[in-house]
Amino acid sequence: MLSIRRKAAQTVADKLIAAENAIDLALQRTAELAGAMPQARSDAHYAAEIGQEAMERAVSAIAVLVQARREIVATHKELAETRDRVGLAAFAMGGLSDKLPTGEASPHIRAVA
């Protein structure tokens, strides 16, 4: 029974990580697009108003993707809490294990000189 619950939790963790990565990739690609448009306009010697609406749409898409990222991060947190409530806290679930914020040292890792 425990192995079935662990397998189900791991399946969800794998899907969560895939969703997080997909949103991050979409955000990266959309930001690249938004960054390329002014350069392309300039390289082609078009007036500033050319492509303005497209630029606004791309920037709007970035804002929506950032909100989607916020929601998937919240989903991650909720699933980690659910994992703990159902008694699977002792098991690493890949993406459901807590990650340290950038710059913080793990309490289990210490530097040696």
PDB file of N, CA and C in Angstrom:
ATOM      1  N   MET A   1       0.816  -1.194   0.000  1.00  0.00           N
ATOM      2  CA  MET A   1       0.000   0.000   0.000  1.00  0.00           C
ATOM      3  C   MET A   1       0.863   1.263   0.000  1.00  0.00           C
ATOM      4  N   LEU A   2       1.911   1.283   0.817  1.00  0.00           N
ATOM      5  CA  LEU A   2       2.804   2.438   0.859  1.00  0.00           C
ATOM      6  C   LEU A   2       3.468   2.646  -0.500  1.00  0.00           C
ATOM      7  N   SER A   3       3.872   1.556  -1.136  1.00  0.00           N
ATOM      8  CA  SER A   3       4.538   1.700  -2.432  1.00  0.00           C
ATOM      9  C   SER A   3       3.593   2.274  -3.486  1.00  0.00           C
ATOM     10  N   ILE A   4       2.320   1.967  -3.399  1.00  0.00           N
ATOM     11  CA  ILE A   4       1.330   2.524  -4.339  1.00  0.00           C
ATOM     12  C   ILE A   4       1.190   4.025  -4.102  1.00  0.00           C
ATOM     13  N   ARG A   5       1.128   4.430  -2.832  1.00  0.00           N
ATOM     14  CA  ARG A   5       1.010   5.863  -2.516  1.00  0.00           C
ATOM     15  C   ARG A   5       2.261   6.617  -2.932  1.00  0.00           C
ATOM     16  N   ARG A   6       3.428   6.017  -2.699  1.00  0.00           N
ATOM     17  CA  ARG A   6       4.680   6.658  -3.104  1.00  0.00           C
ATOM     18  C   ARG A   6       4.756   6.803  -4.615  1.00  0.00           C
ATOM     19  N   LYS A   7       4.326   5.771  -5.330  1.00  0.00           N
ATOM     20  CA  LYS A   7       4.346   5.822  -6.796  1.00  0.00           C
ATOM     21  C   LYS A   7       3.394   6.907  -7.303  1.00  0.00           C
ATOM     22  N   ALA A   8       2.209   7.001  -6.723  1.00  0.00           N
ATOM     23  CA  ALA A   8       1.248   8.030  -7.126  1.00  0.00           C
ATOM     24  C   ALA A   8       1.814   9.419  -6.858  1.00  0.00           C
ATOM     25  N   ALA A   9       2.436   9.600  -5.702  1.00  0.00           N
ATOM     26  CA  ALA A   9       3.023  10.890  -5.358  1.00  0.00           C
ATOM     27  C   ALA A   9       4.171  11.227  -6.305  1.00  0.00           C
ATOM     28  N   GLN A  10       4.970  10.247  -6.661  1.00  0.00           N
ATOM     29  CA  GLN A  10       6.085  10.492  -7.583  1.00  0.00           C
ATOM     30  C   GLN A  10       5.572  10.878  -8.969  1.00  0.00           C
ATOM     31  N   THR A  11       4.495  10.257  -9.410  1.00  0.00           N
ATOM     32  CA  THR A  11       3.888  10.608 -10.703  1.00  0.00           C
ATOM     33  C   THR A  11       3.458  12.070 -10.699  1.00  0.00           C
ATOM     34  N   VAL A  12       2.808  12.485  -9.625  1.00  0.00           N
ATOM     35  CA  VAL A  12       2.378  13.884  -9.508  1.00  0.00           C
ATOM     36  C   VAL A  12       3.597  14.806  -9.460  1.00  0.00           C
ATOM     37  N   ALA A  13       4.618  14.426  -8.716  1.00  0.00           N
ATOM     38  CA  ALA A  13       5.835  15.246  -8.623  1.00  0.00           C
ATOM     39  C   ALA A  13       6.486  15.413  -9.994  1.00  0.00           C
ATOM     40  N   ASP A  14       6.540  14.341 -10.748  1.00  0.00           N
ATOM     41  CA  ASP A  14       7.131  14.411 -12.089  1.00  0.00           C
ATOM     42  C   ASP A  14       6.334  15.350 -12.993  1.00  0.00           C
ATOM     43  N   LYS A  15       5.012  15.279 -12.917  1.00  0.00           N
ATOM     44  CA  LYS A  15       4.155  16.158 -13.728  1.00  0.00           C
ATOM     45  C   LYS A  15       4.300  17.612 -13.293  1.00  0.00           C
ATOM     46  N   LEU A  16       4.427  17.831 -11.989  1.00  0.00           N
ATOM     47  CA  LEU A  16       4.613  19.180 -11.462  1.00  0.00           C
ATOM     48  C   LEU A  16       5.908  19.794 -11.995  1.00  0.00           C
ATOM     49  N   ILE A  17       6.987  19.053 -11.919  1.00  0.00           N
ATOM     50  CA  ILE A  17       8.281  19.553 -12.398  1.00  0.00           C
ATOM     51  C   ILE A  17       8.212  19.827 -13.894  1.00  0.00           C
ATOM     52  N   ALA A  18       7.557  18.956 -14.648  1.00  0.00           N
ATOM     53  CA  ALA A  18       7.405  19.185 -16.089  1.00  0.00           C
ATOM     54  C   ALA A  18       6.624  20.468 -16.351  1.00  0.00           C
ATOM     55  N   ALA A  19       5.570  20.705 -15.580  1.00  0.00           N
ATOM     56  CA  ALA A  19       4.774  21.927 -15.745  1.00  0.00           C
ATOM     57  C   ALA A  19       5.603  23.158 -15.388  1.00  0.00           C
ATOM     58  N   GLU A  20       6.355  23.091 -14.287  1.00  0.00           N
ATOM     59  CA  GLU A  20       7.209  24.218 -13.896  1.00  0.00           C
ATOM     60  C   GLU A  20       8.223  24.532 -14.995  1.00  0.00           C
ATOM     61  N   ASN A  21       8.843  23.486 -15.513  1.00  0.00           N
ATOM     62  CA  ASN A  21       9.843  23.683 -16.562  1.00  0.00           C
ATOM     63  C   ASN A  21       9.224  24.246 -17.838  1.00  0.00           C
ATOM     64  N   ALA A  22       8.020  23.796 -18.179  1.00  0.00           N
ATOM     65  CA  ALA A  22       7.340  24.287 -19.381  1.00  0.00           C
ATOM     66  C   ALA A  22       7.007  25.773 -19.244  1.00  0.00           C
ATOM     67  N   ILE A  23       6.539  26.168 -18.085  1.00  0.00           N
ATOM     68  CA  ILE A  23       6.216  27.579 -17.869  1.00  0.00           C
ATOM     69  C   ILE A  23       7.493  28.420 -17.931  1.00  0.00           C
ATOM     70  N   ASP A  24       8.553  27.958 -17.290  1.00  0.00           N
ATOM     71  CA  ASP A  24       9.819  28.700 -17.336  1.00  0.00           C
ATOM     72  C   ASP A  24      10.337  28.823 -18.768  1.00  0.00           C
ATOM     73  N   LEU A  25      10.245  27.741 -19.530  1.00  0.00           N
ATOM     74  CA  LEU A  25      10.708  27.786 -20.912  1.00  0.00           C
ATOM     75  C   LEU A  25       9.849  28.747 -21.747  1.00  0.00           C
ATOM     76  N   ALA A  26       8.538  28.694 -21.561  1.00  0.00           N
ATOM     77  CA  ALA A  26       7.654  29.617 -22.280  1.00  0.00           C
ATOM     78  C   ALA A  26       7.977  31.063 -21.909  1.00  0.00           C
ATOM     79  N   LEU A  27       8.258  31.303 -20.653  1.00  0.00           N
ATOM     80  CA  LEU A  27       8.616  32.643 -20.207  1.00  0.00           C
ATOM     81  C   LEU A  27       9.928  33.095 -20.848  1.00  0.00           C
ATOM     82  N   GLN A  28      10.902  32.213 -20.870  1.00  0.00           N
ATOM     83  CA  GLN A  28      12.186  32.541 -21.497  1.00  0.00           C
ATOM     84  C   GLN A  28      12.018  32.866 -22.980  1.00  0.00           C
ATOM     85  N   ARG A  29      11.293  32.007 -23.692  1.00  0.00           N
ATOM     86  CA  ARG A  29      11.129  32.193 -25.139  1.00  0.00           C
ATOM     87  C   ARG A  29      10.331  33.460 -25.459  1.00  0.00           C
ATOM     88  N   THR A  30       9.322  33.749 -24.651  1.00  0.00           N
ATOM     89  CA  THR A  30       8.518  34.944 -24.891  1.00  0.00           C
ATOM     90  C   THR A  30       9.322  36.200 -24.602  1.00  0.00           C
ATOM     91  N   ALA A  31      10.154  36.153 -23.572  1.00  0.00           N
ATOM     92  CA  ALA A  31      11.030  37.284 -23.274  1.00  0.00           C
ATOM     93  C   ALA A  31      12.049  37.478 -24.402  1.00  0.00           C
ATOM     94  N   GLU A  32      12.561  36.388 -24.942  1.00  0.00           N
ATOM     95  CA  GLU A  32      13.475  36.487 -26.077  1.00  0.00           C
ATOM     96  C   GLU A  32      12.781  37.132 -27.272  1.00  0.00           C
ATOM     97  N   LEU A  33      11.544  36.741 -27.518  1.00  0.00           N
ATOM     98  CA  LEU A  33      10.770  37.326 -28.605  1.00  0.00           C
ATOM     99  C   LEU A  33      10.582  38.824 -28.391  1.00  0.00           C
ATOM    100  N   ALA A  34      10.150  39.192 -27.187  1.00  0.00           N
ATOM    101  CA  ALA A  34       9.928  40.604 -26.887  1.00  0.00           C
ATOM    102  C   ALA A  34      11.222  41.399 -27.029  1.00  0.00           C
ATOM    103  N   GLY A  35      12.326  40.801 -26.666  1.00  0.00           N
ATOM    104  CA  GLY A  35      13.615  41.482 -26.799  1.00  0.00           C
ATOM    105  C   GLY A  35      14.087  41.582 -28.237  1.00  0.00           C
ATOM    106  N   ALA A  36      13.713  40.644 -29.068  1.00  0.00           N
ATOM    107  CA  ALA A  36      14.157  40.643 -30.462  1.00  0.00           C
ATOM    108  C   ALA A  36      13.379  41.621 -31.332  1.00  0.00           C
ATOM    109  N   MET A  37      12.137  41.893 -30.972  1.00  0.00           N
ATOM    110  CA  MET A  37      11.306  42.742 -31.826  1.00  0.00           C
ATOM    111  C   MET A  37      11.851  44.162 -32.003  1.00  0.00           C
ATOM    112  N   PRO A  38      12.250  44.864 -30.948  1.00  0.00           N
ATOM    113  CA  PRO A  38      12.785  46.215 -31.169  1.00  0.00           C
ATOM    114  C   PRO A  38      14.074  46.199 -32.002  1.00  0.00           C
ATOM    115  N   GLN A  39      14.881  45.166 -31.781  1.00  0.00           N
ATOM    116  CA  GLN A  39      16.127  45.078 -32.553  1.00  0.00           C
ATOM    117  C   GLN A  39      15.823  44.833 -34.029  1.00  0.00           C
ATOM    118  N   ALA A  40      14.861  43.957 -34.308  1.00  0.00           N
ATOM    119  CA  ALA A  40      14.485  43.679 -35.695  1.00  0.00           C
ATOM    120  C   ALA A  40      13.923  44.937 -36.358  1.00  0.00           C
ATOM    121  N   ARG A  41      13.106  45.671 -35.630  1.00  0.00           N
ATOM    122  CA  ARG A  41      12.538  46.914 -36.164  1.00  0.00           C
ATOM    123  C   ARG A  41      13.647  47.900 -36.494  1.00  0.00           C
ATOM    124  N   SER A  42      14.586  48.017 -35.576  1.00  0.00           N
ATOM    125  CA  SER A  42      15.703  48.931 -35.776  1.00  0.00           C
ATOM    126  C   SER A  42      16.580  48.486 -36.949  1.00  0.00           C
ATOM    127  N   ASP A  43      16.893  47.201 -37.009  1.00  0.00           N
ATOM    128  CA  ASP A  43      17.724  46.672 -38.095  1.00  0.00           C
ATOM    129  C   ASP A  43      17.078  46.897 -39.461  1.00  0.00           C
ATOM    130  N   ALA A  44      15.750  46.810 -39.513  1.00  0.00           N
ATOM    131  CA  ALA A  44      15.029  46.978 -40.775  1.00  0.00           C
ATOM    132  C   ALA A  44      14.737  48.447 -41.091  1.00  0.00           C
ATOM    133  N   HIS A  45      15.108  49.329 -40.188  1.00  0.00           N
ATOM    134  CA  HIS A  45      14.911  50.775 -40.367  1.00  0.00           C
ATOM    135  C   HIS A  45      13.439  51.150 -40.511  1.00  0.00           C
ATOM    136  N   TYR A  46      12.582  50.489 -39.708  1.00  0.00           N
ATOM    137  CA  TYR A  46      11.170  50.845 -39.692  1.00  0.00           C
ATOM    138  C   TYR A  46      10.929  51.897 -38.616  1.00  0.00           C
ATOM    139  N   ALA A  47       9.840  52.619 -38.770  1.00  0.00           N
ATOM    140  CA  ALA A  47       9.445  53.616 -37.773  1.00  0.00           C
ATOM    141  C   ALA A  47       9.088  52.924 -36.457  1.00  0.00           C
ATOM    142  N   ALA A  48       9.154  53.658 -35.377  1.00  0.00           N
ATOM    143  CA  ALA A  48       8.913  53.108 -34.036  1.00  0.00           C
ATOM    144  C   ALA A  48       7.518  52.523 -33.880  1.00  0.00           C
ATOM    145  N   GLU A  49       6.537  53.083 -34.588  1.00  0.00           N
ATOM    146  CA  GLU A  49       5.176  52.565 -34.412  1.00  0.00           C
ATOM    147  C   GLU A  49       4.959  51.214 -35.087  1.00  0.00           C
ATOM    148  N   ILE A  50       5.863  50.816 -35.947  1.00  0.00           N
ATOM    149  CA  ILE A  50       5.732  49.510 -36.597  1.00  0.00           C
ATOM    150  C   ILE A  50       5.946  48.410 -35.553  1.00  0.00           C
ATOM    151  N   GLY A  51       4.977  47.558 -35.426  1.00  0.00           N
ATOM    152  CA  GLY A  51       5.078  46.432 -34.502  1.00  0.00           C
ATOM    153  C   GLY A  51       4.747  46.764 -33.053  1.00  0.00           C
ATOM    154  N   GLN A  52       4.299  47.982 -32.788  1.00  0.00           N
ATOM    155  CA  GLN A  52       4.004  48.383 -31.413  1.00  0.00           C
ATOM    156  C   GLN A  52       2.965  47.476 -30.771  1.00  0.00           C
ATOM    157  N   GLU A  53       1.888  47.181 -31.499  1.00  0.00           N
ATOM    158  CA  GLU A  53       0.827  46.329 -30.942  1.00  0.00           C
ATOM    159  C   GLU A  53       1.351  44.925 -30.639  1.00  0.00           C
ATOM    160  N   ALA A  54       2.185  44.419 -31.533  1.00  0.00           N
ATOM    161  CA  ALA A  54       2.771  43.089 -31.307  1.00  0.00           C
ATOM    162  C   ALA A  54       3.653  43.098 -30.061  1.00  0.00           C
ATOM    163  N   MET A  55       4.419  44.165 -29.883  1.00  0.00           N
ATOM    164  CA  MET A  55       5.270  44.293 -28.693  1.00  0.00           C
ATOM    165  C   MET A  55       4.423  44.320 -27.429  1.00  0.00           C
ATOM    166  N   GLU A  56       3.330  45.081 -27.464  1.00  0.00           N
ATOM    167  CA  GLU A  56       2.446  45.144 -26.299  1.00  0.00           C
ATOM    168  C   GLU A  56       1.853  43.776 -25.989  1.00  0.00           C
ATOM    169  N   ARG A  57       1.476  43.037 -27.022  1.00  0.00           N
ATOM    170  CA  ARG A  57       0.919  41.690 -26.808  1.00  0.00           C
ATOM    171  C   ARG A  57       1.963  40.745 -26.217  1.00  0.00           C
ATOM    172  N   ALA A  58       3.188  40.832 -26.704  1.00  0.00           N
ATOM    173  CA  ALA A  58       4.243  39.964 -26.171  1.00  0.00           C
ATOM    174  C   ALA A  58       4.510  40.275 -24.699  1.00  0.00           C
ATOM    175  N   VAL A  59       4.550  41.549 -24.365  1.00  0.00           N
ATOM    176  CA  VAL A  59       4.774  41.938 -22.969  1.00  0.00           C
ATOM    177  C   VAL A  59       3.599  41.496 -22.103  1.00  0.00           C
ATOM    178  N   SER A  60       2.397  41.598 -22.628  1.00  0.00           N
ATOM    179  CA  SER A  60       1.221  41.111 -21.901  1.00  0.00           C
ATOM    180  C   SER A  60       1.310  39.598 -21.682  1.00  0.00           C
ATOM    181  N   ALA A  61       1.776  38.887 -22.689  1.00  0.00           N
ATOM    182  CA  ALA A  61       1.947  37.433 -22.557  1.00  0.00           C
ATOM    183  C   ALA A  61       2.965  37.105 -21.469  1.00  0.00           C
ATOM    184  N   ILE A  62       4.022  37.897 -21.367  1.00  0.00           N
ATOM    185  CA  ILE A  62       5.024  37.690 -20.316  1.00  0.00           C
ATOM    186  C   ILE A  62       4.367  37.852 -18.945  1.00  0.00           C
ATOM    187  N   ALA A  63       3.548  38.885 -18.791  1.00  0.00           N
ATOM    188  CA  ALA A  63       2.870  39.103 -17.505  1.00  0.00           C
ATOM    189  C   ALA A  63       1.974  37.922 -17.149  1.00  0.00           C
ATOM    190  N   VAL A  64       1.280  37.391 -18.139  1.00  0.00           N
ATOM    191  CA  VAL A  64       0.406  36.234 -17.894  1.00  0.00           C
ATOM    192  C   VAL A  64       1.241  35.012 -17.511  1.00  0.00           C
ATOM    193  N   LEU A  65       2.364  34.823 -18.163  1.00  0.00           N
ATOM    194  CA  LEU A  65       3.236  33.692 -17.833  1.00  0.00           C
ATOM    195  C   LEU A  65       3.833  33.826 -16.435  1.00  0.00           C
ATOM    196  N   VAL A  66       4.162  35.046 -16.039  1.00  0.00           N
ATOM    197  CA  VAL A  66       4.670  35.268 -14.679  1.00  0.00           C
ATOM    198  C   VAL A  66       3.590  34.903 -13.662  1.00  0.00           C
ATOM    199  N   GLN A  67       2.341  35.252 -13.952  1.00  0.00           N
ATOM    200  CA  GLN A  67       1.239  34.874 -13.060  1.00  0.00           C
ATOM    201  C   GLN A  67       1.068  33.350 -13.039  1.00  0.00           C
ATOM    202  N   ALA A  68       1.185  32.717 -14.183  1.00  0.00           N
ATOM    203  CA  ALA A  68       1.101  31.256 -14.238  1.00  0.00           C
ATOM    204  C   ALA A  68       2.216  30.632 -13.403  1.00  0.00           C
ATOM    205  N   ARG A  69       3.396  31.229 -13.462  1.00  0.00           N
ATOM    206  CA  ARG A  69       4.513  30.725 -12.668  1.00  0.00           C
ATOM    207  C   ARG A  69       4.221  30.870 -11.173  1.00  0.00           C
ATOM    208  N   ARG A  70       3.638  32.009 -10.787  1.00  0.00           N
ATOM    209  CA  ARG A  70       3.269  32.208  -9.393  1.00  0.00           C
ATOM    210  C   ARG A  70       2.299  31.111  -8.941  1.00  0.00           C
ATOM    211  N   GLU A  71       1.351  30.789  -9.783  1.00  0.00           N
ATOM    212  CA  GLU A  71       0.348  29.772  -9.438  1.00  0.00           C
ATOM    213  C   GLU A  71       0.948  28.372  -9.359  1.00  0.00           C
ATOM    214  N   ILE A  72       1.891  28.043 -10.250  1.00  0.00           N
ATOM    215  CA  ILE A  72       2.493  26.711 -10.198  1.00  0.00           C
ATOM    216  C   ILE A  72       3.412  26.594  -8.988  1.00  0.00           C
ATOM    217  N   VAL A  73       4.045  27.701  -8.594  1.00  0.00           N
ATOM    218  CA  VAL A  73       4.858  27.702  -7.364  1.00  0.00           C
ATOM    219  C   VAL A  73       3.950  27.460  -6.156  1.00  0.00           C
ATOM    220  N   ALA A  74       2.788  28.094  -6.136  1.00  0.00           N
ATOM    221  CA  ALA A  74       1.822  27.879  -5.044  1.00  0.00           C
ATOM    222  C   ALA A  74       1.317  26.442  -5.058  1.00  0.00           C
ATOM    223  N   THR A  75       1.110  25.897  -6.254  1.00  0.00           N
ATOM    224  CA  THR A  75       0.706  24.496  -6.368  1.00  0.00           C
ATOM    225  C   THR A  75       1.774  23.594  -5.767  1.00  0.00           C
ATOM    226  N   HIS A  76       3.023  23.885  -6.064  1.00  0.00           N
ATOM    227  CA  HIS A  76       4.149  23.114  -5.531  1.00  0.00           C
ATOM    228  C   HIS A  76       4.111  23.108  -4.002  1.00  0.00           C
ATOM    229  N   LYS A  77       3.925  24.287  -3.434  1.00  0.00           N
ATOM    230  CA  LYS A  77       3.865  24.401  -1.974  1.00  0.00           C
ATOM    231  C   LYS A  77       2.701  23.591  -1.402  1.00  0.00           C
ATOM    232  N   GLU A  78       1.542  23.696  -2.017  1.00  0.00           N
ATOM    233  CA  GLU A  78       0.365  22.951  -1.549  1.00  0.00           C
ATOM    234  C   GLU A  78       0.590  21.442  -1.637  1.00  0.00           C
ATOM    235  N   LEU A  79       1.203  21.006  -2.722  1.00  0.00           N
ATOM    236  CA  LEU A  79       1.466  19.566  -2.863  1.00  0.00           C
ATOM    237  C   LEU A  79       2.487  19.082  -1.843  1.00  0.00           C
ATOM    238  N   ALA A  80       3.476  19.913  -1.522  1.00  0.00           N
ATOM    239  CA  ALA A  80       4.450  19.533  -0.488  1.00  0.00           C
ATOM    240  C   ALA A  80       3.748  19.378   0.859  1.00  0.00           C
ATOM    241  N   GLU A  81       2.822  20.292   1.145  1.00  0.00           N
ATOM    242  CA  GLU A  81       2.067  20.190   2.397  1.00  0.00           C
ATOM    243  C   GLU A  81       1.168  18.947   2.385  1.00  0.00           C
ATOM    244  N   THR A  82       0.583  18.657   1.249  1.00  0.00           N
ATOM    245  CA  THR A  82      -0.253  17.454   1.124  1.00  0.00           C
ATOM    246  C   THR A  82       0.590  16.203   1.324  1.00  0.00           C
ATOM    247  N   ARG A  83       1.772  16.181   0.712  1.00  0.00           N
ATOM    248  CA  ARG A  83       2.685  15.045   0.877  1.00  0.00           C
ATOM    249  C   ARG A  83       2.949  14.792   2.359  1.00  0.00           C
ATOM    250  N   ASP A  84       3.187  15.878   3.097  1.00  0.00           N
ATOM    251  CA  ASP A  84       3.473  15.738   4.523  1.00  0.00           C
ATOM    252  C   ASP A  84       2.251  15.239   5.291  1.00  0.00           C
ATOM    253  N   ARG A  85       1.059  15.764   4.924  1.00  0.00           N
ATOM    254  CA  ARG A  85      -0.175  15.363   5.622  1.00  0.00           C
ATOM    255  C   ARG A  85      -0.512  13.891   5.419  1.00  0.00           C
ATOM    256  N   VAL A  86      -0.162  13.337   4.271  1.00  0.00           N
ATOM    257  CA  VAL A  86      -0.498  11.936   4.012  1.00  0.00           C
ATOM    258  C   VAL A  86       0.609  10.988   4.449  1.00  0.00           C
ATOM    259  N   GLY A  87       1.607  11.528   5.135  1.00  0.00           N
ATOM    260  CA  GLY A  87       2.633  10.671   5.719  1.00  0.00           C
ATOM    261  C   GLY A  87       3.771  10.294   4.798  1.00  0.00           C
ATOM    262  N   LEU A  88       4.007  11.075   3.754  1.00  0.00           N
ATOM    263  CA  LEU A  88       5.101  10.765   2.836  1.00  0.00           C
ATOM    264  C   LEU A  88       6.262  11.757   2.970  1.00  0.00           C
ATOM    265  N   ALA A  89       6.285  12.523   4.043  1.00  0.00           N
ATOM    266  CA  ALA A  89       7.327  13.541   4.229  1.00  0.00           C
ATOM    267  C   ALA A  89       8.720  12.933   4.285  1.00  0.00           C
ATOM    268  N   ALA A  90       8.831  11.714   4.751  1.00  0.00           N
ATOM    269  CA  ALA A  90      10.141  11.082   4.900  1.00  0.00           C
ATOM    270  C   ALA A  90      10.729  10.648   3.570  1.00  0.00           C
ATOM    271  N   PHE A  91       9.912  10.639   2.521  1.00  0.00           N
ATOM    272  CA  PHE A  91      10.367  10.171   1.218  1.00  0.00           C
ATOM    273  C   PHE A  91      10.616  11.349   0.285  1.00  0.00           C
ATOM    274  N   ALA A  92      11.768  11.336  -0.366  1.00  0.00           N
ATOM    275  CA  ALA A  92      12.052  12.378  -1.366  1.00  0.00           C
ATOM    276  C   ALA A  92      11.179  12.113  -2.578  1.00  0.00           C
ATOM    277  N   MET A  93      10.500  13.140  -3.039  1.00  0.00           N
ATOM    278  CA  MET A  93       9.609  12.990  -4.186  1.00  0.00           C
ATOM    279  C   MET A  93      10.110  13.799  -5.365  1.00  0.00           C
ATOM    280  N   GLY A  94      11.396  13.869  -5.522  1.00  0.00           N
ATOM    281  CA  GLY A  94      11.903  14.661  -6.641  1.00  0.00           C
ATOM    282  C   GLY A  94      11.499  16.104  -6.455  1.00  0.00           C
ATOM    283  N   GLY A  95      10.569  16.563  -7.271  1.00  0.00           N
ATOM    284  CA  GLY A  95      10.157  17.953  -7.246  1.00  0.00           C
ATOM    285  C   GLY A  95       9.374  18.363  -6.028  1.00  0.00           C
ATOM    286  N   LEU A  96       8.868  17.424  -5.252  1.00  0.00           N
ATOM    287  CA  LEU A  96       8.094  17.806  -4.077  1.00  0.00           C
ATOM    288  C   LEU A  96       8.963  18.022  -2.849  1.00  0.00           C
ATOM    289  N   SER A  97      10.249  17.677  -2.934  1.00  0.00           N
ATOM    290  CA  SER A  97      11.107  17.939  -1.782  1.00  0.00           C
ATOM    291  C   SER A  97      11.403  19.428  -1.729  1.00  0.00           C
ATOM    292  N   ASP A  98      11.540  19.938  -0.524  1.00  0.00           N
ATOM    293  CA  ASP A  98      11.782  21.368  -0.361  1.00  0.00           C
ATOM    294  C   ASP A  98      13.138  21.739  -0.939  1.00  0.00           C
ATOM    295  N   LYS A  99      13.178  22.849  -1.635  1.00  0.00           N
ATOM    296  CA  LYS A  99      14.422  23.356  -2.203  1.00  0.00           C
ATOM    297  C   LYS A  99      14.823  24.592  -1.416  1.00  0.00           C
ATOM    298  N   LEU A 100      16.118  24.807  -1.302  1.00  0.00           N
ATOM    299  CA  LEU A 100      16.606  25.982  -0.598  1.00  0.00           C
ATOM    300  C   LEU A 100      16.578  27.186  -1.523  1.00  0.00           C
ATOM    301  N   PRO A 101      16.220  28.350  -0.989  1.00  0.00           N
ATOM    302  CA  PRO A 101      16.333  29.562  -1.799  1.00  0.00           C
ATOM    303  C   PRO A 101      17.781  29.764  -2.214  1.00  0.00           C
ATOM    304  N   THR A 102      18.002  30.393  -3.336  1.00  0.00           N
ATOM    305  CA  THR A 102      19.348  30.647  -3.834  1.00  0.00           C
ATOM    306  C   THR A 102      20.177  31.349  -2.770  1.00  0.00           C
ATOM    307  N   GLY A 103      21.395  30.858  -2.604  1.00  0.00           N
ATOM    308  CA  GLY A 103      22.306  31.512  -1.674  1.00  0.00           C
ATOM    309  C   GLY A 103      22.295  30.933  -0.275  1.00  0.00           C
ATOM    310  N   GLU A 104      21.325  30.108   0.062  1.00  0.00           N
ATOM    311  CA  GLU A 104      21.300  29.522   1.394  1.00  0.00           C
ATOM    312  C   GLU A 104      22.028  28.177   1.371  1.00  0.00           C
ATOM    313  N   ALA A 105      22.820  27.950   2.385  1.00  0.00           N
ATOM    314  CA  ALA A 105      23.532  26.686   2.504  1.00  0.00           C
ATOM    315  C   ALA A 105      22.632  25.648   3.150  1.00  0.00           C
ATOM    316  N   SER A 106      22.754  24.436   2.693  1.00  0.00           N
ATOM    317  CA  SER A 106      22.006  23.345   3.300  1.00  0.00           C
ATOM    318  C   SER A 106      22.539  23.074   4.693  1.00  0.00           C
ATOM    319  N   PRO A 107      21.652  22.772   5.658  1.00  0.00           N
ATOM    320  CA  PRO A 107      22.140  22.472   7.000  1.00  0.00           C
ATOM    321  C   PRO A 107      22.946  21.166   7.040  1.00  0.00           C
ATOM    322  N   HIS A 108      22.861  20.373   5.962  1.00  0.00           N
ATOM    323  CA  HIS A 108      23.554  19.089   5.924  1.00  0.00           C
ATOM    324  C   HIS A 108      24.864  19.166   5.153  1.00  0.00           C
ATOM    325  N   ILE A 109      25.176  20.337   4.628  1.00  0.00           N
ATOM    326  CA  ILE A 109      26.394  20.501   3.850  1.00  0.00           C
ATOM    327  C   ILE A 109      27.243  21.587   4.521  1.00  0.00           C
ATOM    328  N   ARG A 110      28.494  21.299   4.697  1.00  0.00           N
ATOM    329  CA  ARG A 110      29.349  22.325   5.253  1.00  0.00           C
ATOM    330  C   ARG A 110      30.624  22.384   4.436  1.00  0.00           C
ATOM    331  N   ALA A 111      31.154  23.565   4.313  1.00  0.00           N
ATOM    332  CA  ALA A 111      32.386  23.766   3.550  1.00  0.00           C
ATOM    333  C   ALA A 111      33.572  23.342   4.396  1.00  0.00           C
ATOM    334  N   VAL A 112      34.533  22.706   3.747  1.00  0.00           N
ATOM    335  CA  VAL A 112      35.771  22.329   4.424  1.00  0.00           C
ATOM    336  C   VAL A 112      36.932  22.938   3.669  1.00  0.00           C
ATOM    337  N   ALA A 113      37.858  23.486   4.446  1.00  0.00           N
ATOM    338  CA  ALA A 113      39.023  24.128   3.804  1.00  0.00           C
ATOM    339  C   ALA A 113      40.213  23.225   3.880  1.00  0.00           C
TER     340      ALA A 113
END
